[in-house]
Amino acid sequence: MLKMLKGEIEQDLHQFRLQERNNKESLLEYVEQIFNHHTKVLIVRVDLGYLKDSKEQITVEQFYRHFEIMRNRLSKALLHKVVLKGIFSNIISK
């Protein structure tokens, strides 16, 4: 019984490592395509945090939802800024 469990754990670890490697390769390929396609790229690191007393109550699904909300708000804010800059470019001092 113990040997079966050990074998399953080792197989799961192998699958996990394989998936991690595939994810890394896919990400690197995607980033390379972005850099090759766009002349100007801004990379931003975002660290999200939760209060200590609520940290244990946050599920992975909630985290992804919170991240999606933040990403949408940033996209709208950037789009709004770009549109306003284009509309009012003749009266905005440089």
PDB file of N, CA and C in Angstrom:
ATOM      1  N   MET A   1       0.824  -1.199   0.000  1.00  0.00           N
ATOM      2  CA  MET A   1       0.000   0.000   0.000  1.00  0.00           C
ATOM      3  C   MET A   1       0.867   1.261   0.000  1.00  0.00           C
ATOM      4  N   LEU A   2       1.883   1.269   0.874  1.00  0.00           N
ATOM      5  CA  LEU A   2       2.767   2.417   0.973  1.00  0.00           C
ATOM      6  C   LEU A   2       3.557   2.625  -0.316  1.00  0.00           C
ATOM      7  N   LYS A   3       3.977   1.513  -0.948  1.00  0.00           N
ATOM      8  CA  LYS A   3       4.704   1.617  -2.211  1.00  0.00           C
ATOM      9  C   LYS A   3       3.820   2.195  -3.306  1.00  0.00           C
ATOM     10  N   MET A   4       2.533   1.829  -3.315  1.00  0.00           N
ATOM     11  CA  MET A   4       1.604   2.370  -4.306  1.00  0.00           C
ATOM     12  C   MET A   4       1.456   3.873  -4.128  1.00  0.00           C
ATOM     13  N   LEU A   5       1.308   4.303  -2.879  1.00  0.00           N
ATOM     14  CA  LEU A   5       1.186   5.733  -2.594  1.00  0.00           C
ATOM     15  C   LEU A   5       2.437   6.482  -3.031  1.00  0.00           C
ATOM     16  N   LYS A   6       3.596   5.918  -2.720  1.00  0.00           N
ATOM     17  CA  LYS A   6       4.856   6.542  -3.096  1.00  0.00           C
ATOM     18  C   LYS A   6       4.960   6.664  -4.612  1.00  0.00           C
ATOM     19  N   GLY A   7       4.564   5.615  -5.317  1.00  0.00           N
ATOM     20  CA  GLY A   7       4.590   5.639  -6.780  1.00  0.00           C
ATOM     21  C   GLY A   7       3.647   6.686  -7.344  1.00  0.00           C
ATOM     22  N   GLU A   8       2.461   6.817  -6.761  1.00  0.00           N
ATOM     23  CA  GLU A   8       1.498   7.820  -7.218  1.00  0.00           C
ATOM     24  C   GLU A   8       2.022   9.231  -6.955  1.00  0.00           C
ATOM     25  N   ILE A   9       2.639   9.424  -5.810  1.00  0.00           N
ATOM     26  CA  ILE A   9       3.187  10.740  -5.468  1.00  0.00           C
ATOM     27  C   ILE A   9       4.313  11.099  -6.428  1.00  0.00           C
ATOM     28  N   GLU A  10       5.182  10.147  -6.696  1.00  0.00           N
ATOM     29  CA  GLU A  10       6.287  10.399  -7.628  1.00  0.00           C
ATOM     30  C   GLU A  10       5.758  10.709  -9.028  1.00  0.00           C
ATOM     31  N   GLN A  11       4.731   9.995  -9.440  1.00  0.00           N
ATOM     32  CA  GLN A  11       4.133  10.251 -10.754  1.00  0.00           C
ATOM     33  C   GLN A  11       3.484  11.631 -10.788  1.00  0.00           C
ATOM     34  N   ASP A  12       2.792  12.006  -9.725  1.00  0.00           N
ATOM     35  CA  ASP A  12       2.187  13.342  -9.641  1.00  0.00           C
ATOM     36  C   ASP A  12       3.251  14.429  -9.685  1.00  0.00           C
ATOM     37  N   LEU A  13       4.353  14.223  -8.959  1.00  0.00           N
ATOM     38  CA  LEU A  13       5.452  15.193  -8.976  1.00  0.00           C
ATOM     39  C   LEU A  13       6.048  15.316 -10.377  1.00  0.00           C
ATOM     40  N   HIS A  14       6.212  14.184 -11.048  1.00  0.00           N
ATOM     41  CA  HIS A  14       6.739  14.205 -12.406  1.00  0.00           C
ATOM     42  C   HIS A  14       5.808  14.991 -13.330  1.00  0.00           C
ATOM     43  N   GLN A  15       4.502  14.749 -13.227  1.00  0.00           N
ATOM     44  CA  GLN A  15       3.517  15.454 -14.045  1.00  0.00           C
ATOM     45  C   GLN A  15       3.535  16.948 -13.740  1.00  0.00           C
ATOM     46  N   PHE A  16       3.648  17.287 -12.453  1.00  0.00           N
ATOM     47  CA  PHE A  16       3.691  18.681 -12.034  1.00  0.00           C
ATOM     48  C   PHE A  16       4.904  19.385 -12.631  1.00  0.00           C
ATOM     49  N   ARG A  17       6.072  18.741 -12.535  1.00  0.00           N
ATOM     50  CA  ARG A  17       7.303  19.336 -13.078  1.00  0.00           C
ATOM     51  C   ARG A  17       7.238  19.476 -14.598  1.00  0.00           C
ATOM     52  N   LEU A  18       6.662  18.493 -15.249  1.00  0.00           N
ATOM     53  CA  LEU A  18       6.504  18.547 -16.697  1.00  0.00           C
ATOM     54  C   LEU A  18       5.586  19.708 -17.086  1.00  0.00           C
ATOM     55  N   GLN A  19       4.489  19.865 -16.363  1.00  0.00           N
ATOM     56  CA  GLN A  19       3.556  20.959 -16.628  1.00  0.00           C
ATOM     57  C   GLN A  19       4.217  22.311 -16.379  1.00  0.00           C
ATOM     58  N   GLU A  20       4.995  22.403 -15.310  1.00  0.00           N
ATOM     59  CA  GLU A  20       5.719  23.643 -15.008  1.00  0.00           C
ATOM     60  C   GLU A  20       6.684  23.996 -16.146  1.00  0.00           C
ATOM     61  N   ARG A  21       7.407  23.014 -16.640  1.00  0.00           N
ATOM     62  CA  ARG A  21       8.352  23.254 -17.730  1.00  0.00           C
ATOM     63  C   ARG A  21       7.615  23.700 -18.996  1.00  0.00           C
ATOM     64  N   ASN A  22       6.508  23.029 -19.302  1.00  0.00           N
ATOM     65  CA  ASN A  22       5.716  23.412 -20.473  1.00  0.00           C
ATOM     66  C   ASN A  22       5.160  24.827 -20.329  1.00  0.00           C
ATOM     67  N   ASN A  23       4.692  25.169 -19.122  1.00  0.00           N
ATOM     68  CA  ASN A  23       4.175  26.518 -18.877  1.00  0.00           C
ATOM     69  C   ASN A  23       5.270  27.565 -19.064  1.00  0.00           C
ATOM     70  N   LYS A  24       6.458  27.274 -18.555  1.00  0.00           N
ATOM     71  CA  LYS A  24       7.582  28.207 -18.671  1.00  0.00           C
ATOM     72  C   LYS A  24       7.954  28.419 -20.133  1.00  0.00           C
ATOM     73  N   GLU A  25       8.051  27.332 -20.890  1.00  0.00           N
ATOM     74  CA  GLU A  25       8.396  27.436 -22.305  1.00  0.00           C
ATOM     75  C   GLU A  25       7.338  28.222 -23.071  1.00  0.00           C
ATOM     76  N   SER A  26       6.079  27.971 -22.753  1.00  0.00           N
ATOM     77  CA  SER A  26       4.983  28.675 -23.409  1.00  0.00           C
ATOM     78  C   SER A  26       5.014  30.163 -23.084  1.00  0.00           C
ATOM     79  N   LEU A  27       5.274  30.496 -21.828  1.00  0.00           N
ATOM     80  CA  LEU A  27       5.349  31.890 -21.415  1.00  0.00           C
ATOM     81  C   LEU A  27       6.512  32.599 -22.113  1.00  0.00           C
ATOM     82  N   LEU A  28       7.675  31.971 -22.136  1.00  0.00           N
ATOM     83  CA  LEU A  28       8.827  32.582 -22.790  1.00  0.00           C
ATOM     84  C   LEU A  28       8.563  32.822 -24.276  1.00  0.00           C
ATOM     85  N   GLU A  29       7.917  31.875 -24.923  1.00  0.00           N
ATOM     86  CA  GLU A  29       7.578  32.020 -26.336  1.00  0.00           C
ATOM     87  C   GLU A  29       6.605  33.177 -26.539  1.00  0.00           C
ATOM     88  N   TYR A  30       5.616  33.290 -25.662  1.00  0.00           N
ATOM     89  CA  TYR A  30       4.626  34.361 -25.739  1.00  0.00           C
ATOM     90  C   TYR A  30       5.282  35.728 -25.541  1.00  0.00           C
ATOM     91  N   VAL A  31       6.149  35.846 -24.542  1.00  0.00           N
ATOM     92  CA  VAL A  31       6.831  37.111 -24.265  1.00  0.00           C
ATOM     93  C   VAL A  31       7.734  37.489 -25.436  1.00  0.00           C
ATOM     94  N   GLU A  32       8.414  36.523 -26.002  1.00  0.00           N
ATOM     95  CA  GLU A  32       9.270  36.795 -27.155  1.00  0.00           C
ATOM     96  C   GLU A  32       8.446  37.318 -28.334  1.00  0.00           C
ATOM     97  N   GLN A  33       7.272  36.739 -28.551  1.00  0.00           N
ATOM     98  CA  GLN A  33       6.398  37.212 -29.630  1.00  0.00           C
ATOM     99  C   GLN A  33       5.955  38.649 -29.388  1.00  0.00           C
ATOM    100  N   ILE A  34       5.656  38.974 -28.136  1.00  0.00           N
ATOM    101  CA  ILE A  34       5.248  40.338 -27.814  1.00  0.00           C
ATOM    102  C   ILE A  34       6.381  41.308 -28.111  1.00  0.00           C
ATOM    103  N   PHE A  35       7.593  40.989 -27.659  1.00  0.00           N
ATOM    104  CA  PHE A  35       8.734  41.876 -27.893  1.00  0.00           C
ATOM    105  C   PHE A  35       9.050  42.001 -29.381  1.00  0.00           C
ATOM    106  N   ASN A  36       8.873  40.938 -30.135  1.00  0.00           N
ATOM    107  CA  ASN A  36       9.146  40.993 -31.565  1.00  0.00           C
ATOM    108  C   ASN A  36       8.087  41.776 -32.328  1.00  0.00           C
ATOM    109  N   HIS A  37       6.866  41.799 -31.820  1.00  0.00           N
ATOM    110  CA  HIS A  37       5.760  42.428 -32.521  1.00  0.00           C
ATOM    111  C   HIS A  37       5.624  43.910 -32.177  1.00  0.00           C
ATOM    112  N   HIS A  38       5.952  44.289 -30.952  1.00  0.00           N
ATOM    113  CA  HIS A  38       5.769  45.667 -30.504  1.00  0.00           C
ATOM    114  C   HIS A  38       7.124  46.330 -30.269  1.00  0.00           C
ATOM    115  N   THR A  39       7.212  47.598 -30.657  1.00  0.00           N
ATOM    116  CA  THR A  39       8.479  48.307 -30.481  1.00  0.00           C
ATOM    117  C   THR A  39       8.657  48.841 -29.066  1.00  0.00           C
ATOM    118  N   LYS A  40       7.551  49.150 -28.408  1.00  0.00           N
ATOM    119  CA  LYS A  40       7.629  49.656 -27.033  1.00  0.00           C
ATOM    120  C   LYS A  40       6.783  48.761 -26.136  1.00  0.00           C
ATOM    121  N   VAL A  41       7.399  48.224 -25.104  1.00  0.00           N
ATOM    122  CA  VAL A  41       6.699  47.346 -24.177  1.00  0.00           C
ATOM    123  C   VAL A  41       7.021  47.804 -22.761  1.00  0.00           C
ATOM    124  N   LEU A  42       6.003  47.977 -21.970  1.00  0.00           N
ATOM    125  CA  LEU A  42       6.184  48.335 -20.575  1.00  0.00           C
ATOM    126  C   LEU A  42       5.836  47.114 -19.728  1.00  0.00           C
ATOM    127  N   ILE A  43       6.786  46.660 -18.934  1.00  0.00           N
ATOM    128  CA  ILE A  43       6.562  45.518 -18.057  1.00  0.00           C
ATOM    129  C   ILE A  43       6.318  46.049 -16.653  1.00  0.00           C
ATOM    130  N   VAL A  44       5.232  45.616 -16.068  1.00  0.00           N
ATOM    131  CA  VAL A  44       4.848  46.078 -14.738  1.00  0.00           C
ATOM    132  C   VAL A  44       4.698  44.880 -13.815  1.00  0.00           C
ATOM    133  N   ARG A  45       5.332  44.960 -12.676  1.00  0.00           N
ATOM    134  CA  ARG A  45       5.173  43.913 -11.664  1.00  0.00           C
ATOM    135  C   ARG A  45       4.123  44.380 -10.669  1.00  0.00           C
ATOM    136  N   VAL A  46       3.185  43.501 -10.381  1.00  0.00           N
ATOM    137  CA  VAL A  46       2.124  43.822  -9.439  1.00  0.00           C
ATOM    138  C   VAL A  46       2.141  42.787  -8.329  1.00  0.00           C
ATOM    139  N   ASP A  47       2.296  43.239  -7.107  1.00  0.00           N
ATOM    140  CA  ASP A  47       2.233  42.366  -5.938  1.00  0.00           C
ATOM    141  C   ASP A  47       0.900  42.589  -5.249  1.00  0.00           C
ATOM    142  N   LEU A  48       0.114  41.532  -5.171  1.00  0.00           N
ATOM    143  CA  LEU A  48      -1.175  41.627  -4.497  1.00  0.00           C
ATOM    144  C   LEU A  48      -1.049  41.083  -3.086  1.00  0.00           C
ATOM    145  N   GLY A  49      -1.789  41.658  -2.183  1.00  0.00           N
ATOM    146  CA  GLY A  49      -1.740  41.183  -0.808  1.00  0.00           C
ATOM    147  C   GLY A  49      -3.110  41.262  -0.157  1.00  0.00           C
ATOM    148  N   TYR A  50      -3.282  40.480   0.852  1.00  0.00           N
ATOM    149  CA  TYR A  50      -4.513  40.466   1.629  1.00  0.00           C
ATOM    150  C   TYR A  50      -4.162  40.699   3.094  1.00  0.00           C
ATOM    151  N   LEU A  51      -5.100  41.248   3.828  1.00  0.00           N
ATOM    152  CA  LEU A  51      -4.904  41.429   5.254  1.00  0.00           C
ATOM    153  C   LEU A  51      -4.721  40.079   5.927  1.00  0.00           C
ATOM    154  N   LYS A  52      -3.910  40.051   6.988  1.00  0.00           N
ATOM    155  CA  LYS A  52      -3.615  38.789   7.663  1.00  0.00           C
ATOM    156  C   LYS A  52      -4.868  38.042   8.101  1.00  0.00           C
ATOM    157  N   ASP A  53      -5.838  38.763   8.653  1.00  0.00           N
ATOM    158  CA  ASP A  53      -7.022  38.084   9.184  1.00  0.00           C
ATOM    159  C   ASP A  53      -7.933  37.518   8.097  1.00  0.00           C
ATOM    160  N   SER A  54      -7.799  37.973   6.852  1.00  0.00           N
ATOM    161  CA  SER A  54      -8.648  37.440   5.782  1.00  0.00           C
ATOM    162  C   SER A  54      -7.877  36.550   4.811  1.00  0.00           C
ATOM    163  N   LYS A  55      -6.558  36.485   4.960  1.00  0.00           N
ATOM    164  CA  LYS A  55      -5.713  35.750   4.016  1.00  0.00           C
ATOM    165  C   LYS A  55      -6.116  34.275   3.887  1.00  0.00           C
ATOM    166  N   GLU A  56      -6.426  33.642   5.002  1.00  0.00           N
ATOM    167  CA  GLU A  56      -6.735  32.210   4.982  1.00  0.00           C
ATOM    168  C   GLU A  56      -8.106  31.916   4.378  1.00  0.00           C
ATOM    169  N   GLN A  57      -8.950  32.932   4.256  1.00  0.00           N
ATOM    170  CA  GLN A  57     -10.305  32.726   3.746  1.00  0.00           C
ATOM    171  C   GLN A  57     -10.394  32.887   2.234  1.00  0.00           C
ATOM    172  N   ILE A  58      -9.337  33.366   1.602  1.00  0.00           N
ATOM    173  CA  ILE A  58      -9.340  33.623   0.159  1.00  0.00           C
ATOM    174  C   ILE A  58      -9.028  32.330  -0.591  1.00  0.00           C
ATOM    175  N   THR A  59      -9.922  31.964  -1.499  1.00  0.00           N
ATOM    176  CA  THR A  59      -9.703  30.773  -2.322  1.00  0.00           C
ATOM    177  C   THR A  59      -8.964  31.163  -3.604  1.00  0.00           C
ATOM    178  N   VAL A  60      -8.488  30.175  -4.323  1.00  0.00           N
ATOM    179  CA  VAL A  60      -7.801  30.417  -5.586  1.00  0.00           C
ATOM    180  C   VAL A  60      -8.758  31.085  -6.576  1.00  0.00           C
ATOM    181  N   GLU A  61     -10.000  30.621  -6.605  1.00  0.00           N
ATOM    182  CA  GLU A  61     -10.988  31.204  -7.511  1.00  0.00           C
ATOM    183  C   GLU A  61     -11.232  32.665  -7.179  1.00  0.00           C
ATOM    184  N   GLN A  62     -11.320  33.008  -5.887  1.00  0.00           N
ATOM    185  CA  GLN A  62     -11.512  34.402  -5.489  1.00  0.00           C
ATOM    186  C   GLN A  62     -10.305  35.248  -5.888  1.00  0.00           C
ATOM    187  N   PHE A  63      -9.108  34.699  -5.698  1.00  0.00           N
ATOM    188  CA  PHE A  63      -7.899  35.419  -6.086  1.00  0.00           C
ATOM    189  C   PHE A  63      -7.921  35.738  -7.576  1.00  0.00           C
ATOM    190  N   TYR A  64      -8.238  34.738  -8.411  1.00  0.00           N
ATOM    191  CA  TYR A  64      -8.276  34.967  -9.851  1.00  0.00           C
ATOM    192  C   TYR A  64      -9.332  36.006 -10.208  1.00  0.00           C
ATOM    193  N   ARG A  65     -10.468  35.975  -9.529  1.00  0.00           N
ATOM    194  CA  ARG A  65     -11.527  36.976  -9.772  1.00  0.00           C
ATOM    195  C   ARG A  65     -11.037  38.367  -9.370  1.00  0.00           C
ATOM    196  N   HIS A  66     -10.392  38.483  -8.225  1.00  0.00           N
ATOM    197  CA  HIS A  66      -9.853  39.771  -7.782  1.00  0.00           C
ATOM    198  C   HIS A  66      -8.812  40.291  -8.777  1.00  0.00           C
ATOM    199  N   PHE A  67      -7.964  39.395  -9.261  1.00  0.00           N
ATOM    200  CA  PHE A  67      -6.933  39.781 -10.219  1.00  0.00           C
ATOM    201  C   PHE A  67      -7.574  40.258 -11.522  1.00  0.00           C
ATOM    202  N   GLU A  68      -8.622  39.571 -11.965  1.00  0.00           N
ATOM    203  CA  GLU A  68      -9.323  39.954 -13.188  1.00  0.00           C
ATOM    204  C   GLU A  68      -9.965  41.340 -13.039  1.00  0.00           C
ATOM    205  N   ILE A  69     -10.562  41.594 -11.896  1.00  0.00           N
ATOM    206  CA  ILE A  69     -11.167  42.911 -11.637  1.00  0.00           C
ATOM    207  C   ILE A  69     -10.096  43.999 -11.702  1.00  0.00           C
ATOM    208  N   MET A  70      -8.964  43.753 -11.043  1.00  0.00           N
ATOM    209  CA  MET A  70      -7.874  44.730 -11.052  1.00  0.00           C
ATOM    210  C   MET A  70      -7.374  44.973 -12.475  1.00  0.00           C
ATOM    211  N   ARG A  71      -7.199  43.906 -13.232  1.00  0.00           N
ATOM    212  CA  ARG A  71      -6.706  44.024 -14.604  1.00  0.00           C
ATOM    213  C   ARG A  71      -7.678  44.824 -15.475  1.00  0.00           C
ATOM    214  N   ASN A  72      -8.981  44.560 -15.320  1.00  0.00           N
ATOM    215  CA  ASN A  72      -9.985  45.302 -16.089  1.00  0.00           C
ATOM    216  C   ASN A  72      -9.984  46.783 -15.722  1.00  0.00           C
ATOM    217  N   ARG A  73      -9.852  47.082 -14.446  1.00  0.00           N
ATOM    218  CA  ARG A  73      -9.822  48.488 -14.014  1.00  0.00           C
ATOM    219  C   ARG A  73      -8.596  49.200 -14.555  1.00  0.00           C
ATOM    220  N   LEU A  74      -7.446  48.523 -14.540  1.00  0.00           N
ATOM    221  CA  LEU A  74      -6.236  49.127 -15.099  1.00  0.00           C
ATOM    222  C   LEU A  74      -6.380  49.359 -16.604  1.00  0.00           C
ATOM    223  N   SER A  75      -6.943  48.395 -17.304  1.00  0.00           N
ATOM    224  CA  SER A  75      -7.136  48.531 -18.749  1.00  0.00           C
ATOM    225  C   SER A  75      -8.042  49.712 -19.063  1.00  0.00           C
ATOM    226  N   LYS A  76      -9.133  49.838 -18.334  1.00  0.00           N
ATOM    227  CA  LYS A  76     -10.065  50.952 -18.559  1.00  0.00           C
ATOM    228  C   LYS A  76      -9.400  52.281 -18.245  1.00  0.00           C
ATOM    229  N   ALA A  77      -8.619  52.328 -17.163  1.00  0.00           N
ATOM    230  CA  ALA A  77      -7.940  53.569 -16.787  1.00  0.00           C
ATOM    231  C   ALA A  77      -6.926  53.969 -17.854  1.00  0.00           C
ATOM    232  N   LEU A  78      -6.163  53.006 -18.361  1.00  0.00           N
ATOM    233  CA  LEU A  78      -5.175  53.306 -19.400  1.00  0.00           C
ATOM    234  C   LEU A  78      -5.851  53.731 -20.692  1.00  0.00           C
ATOM    235  N   LEU A  79      -6.929  53.051 -21.064  1.00  0.00           N
ATOM    236  CA  LEU A  79      -7.661  53.401 -22.272  1.00  0.00           C
ATOM    237  C   LEU A  79      -8.236  54.810 -22.141  1.00  0.00           C
ATOM    238  N   HIS A  80      -8.805  55.107 -20.990  1.00  0.00           N
ATOM    239  CA  HIS A  80      -9.382  56.425 -20.742  1.00  0.00           C
ATOM    240  C   HIS A  80      -8.311  57.504 -20.883  1.00  0.00           C
ATOM    241  N   LYS A  81      -7.130  57.254 -20.336  1.00  0.00           N
ATOM    242  CA  LYS A  81      -6.028  58.221 -20.400  1.00  0.00           C
ATOM    243  C   LYS A  81      -5.577  58.426 -21.845  1.00  0.00           C
ATOM    244  N   VAL A  82      -5.460  57.348 -22.598  1.00  0.00           N
ATOM    245  CA  VAL A  82      -5.020  57.441 -23.993  1.00  0.00           C
ATOM    246  C   VAL A  82      -6.044  58.204 -24.826  1.00  0.00           C
ATOM    247  N   VAL A  83      -7.326  57.901 -24.634  1.00  0.00           N
ATOM    248  CA  VAL A  83      -8.388  58.564 -25.392  1.00  0.00           C
ATOM    249  C   VAL A  83      -8.410  60.051 -25.062  1.00  0.00           C
ATOM    250  N   LEU A  84      -8.351  60.394 -23.768  1.00  0.00           N
ATOM    251  CA  LEU A  84      -8.355  61.802 -23.379  1.00  0.00           C
ATOM    252  C   LEU A  84      -7.139  62.530 -23.928  1.00  0.00           C
ATOM    253  N   LYS A  85      -5.979  61.876 -23.883  1.00  0.00           N
ATOM    254  CA  LYS A  85      -4.758  62.498 -24.395  1.00  0.00           C
ATOM    255  C   LYS A  85      -4.909  62.787 -25.886  1.00  0.00           C
ATOM    256  N   GLY A  86      -5.514  61.851 -26.626  1.00  0.00           N
ATOM    257  CA  GLY A  86      -5.711  62.059 -28.056  1.00  0.00           C
ATOM    258  C   GLY A  86      -6.712  63.146 -28.358  1.00  0.00           C
ATOM    259  N   ILE A  87      -7.791  63.212 -27.585  1.00  0.00           N
ATOM    260  CA  ILE A  87      -8.841  64.204 -27.827  1.00  0.00           C
ATOM    261  C   ILE A  87      -8.356  65.611 -27.479  1.00  0.00           C
ATOM    262  N   PHE A  88      -7.642  65.720 -26.371  1.00  0.00           N
ATOM    263  CA  PHE A  88      -7.254  67.038 -25.910  1.00  0.00           C
ATOM    264  C   PHE A  88      -5.778  67.359 -26.158  1.00  0.00           C
ATOM    265  N   SER A  89      -5.158  66.670 -27.094  1.00  0.00           N
ATOM    266  CA  SER A  89      -3.724  66.850 -27.311  1.00  0.00           C
ATOM    267  C   SER A  89      -3.388  68.269 -27.754  1.00  0.00           C
ATOM    268  N   ASN A  90      -4.330  68.956 -28.398  1.00  0.00           N
ATOM    269  CA  ASN A  90      -4.032  70.307 -28.874  1.00  0.00           C
ATOM    270  C   ASN A  90      -4.050  71.334 -27.740  1.00  0.00           C
ATOM    271  N   ILE A  91      -4.671  71.010 -26.582  1.00  0.00           N
ATOM    272  CA  ILE A  91      -4.695  71.997 -25.499  1.00  0.00           C
ATOM    273  C   ILE A  91      -3.874  71.576 -24.288  1.00  0.00           C
ATOM    274  N   ILE A  92      -3.315  70.377 -24.314  1.00  0.00           N
ATOM    275  CA  ILE A  92      -2.480  69.907 -23.210  1.00  0.00           C
ATOM    276  C   ILE A  92      -1.054  70.367 -23.473  1.00  0.00           C
ATOM    277  N   SER A  93      -0.473  71.065 -22.497  1.00  0.00           N
ATOM    278  CA  SER A  93       0.900  71.533 -22.697  1.00  0.00           C
ATOM    279  C   SER A  93       1.866  70.371 -22.606  1.00  0.00           C
ATOM    280  N   LYS A  94       2.901  70.451 -23.386  1.00  0.00           N
ATOM    281  CA  LYS A  94       3.868  69.342 -23.419  1.00  0.00           C
ATOM    282  C   LYS A  94       5.107  69.683 -22.675  1.00  0.00           C
TER     283      LYS A  94
END
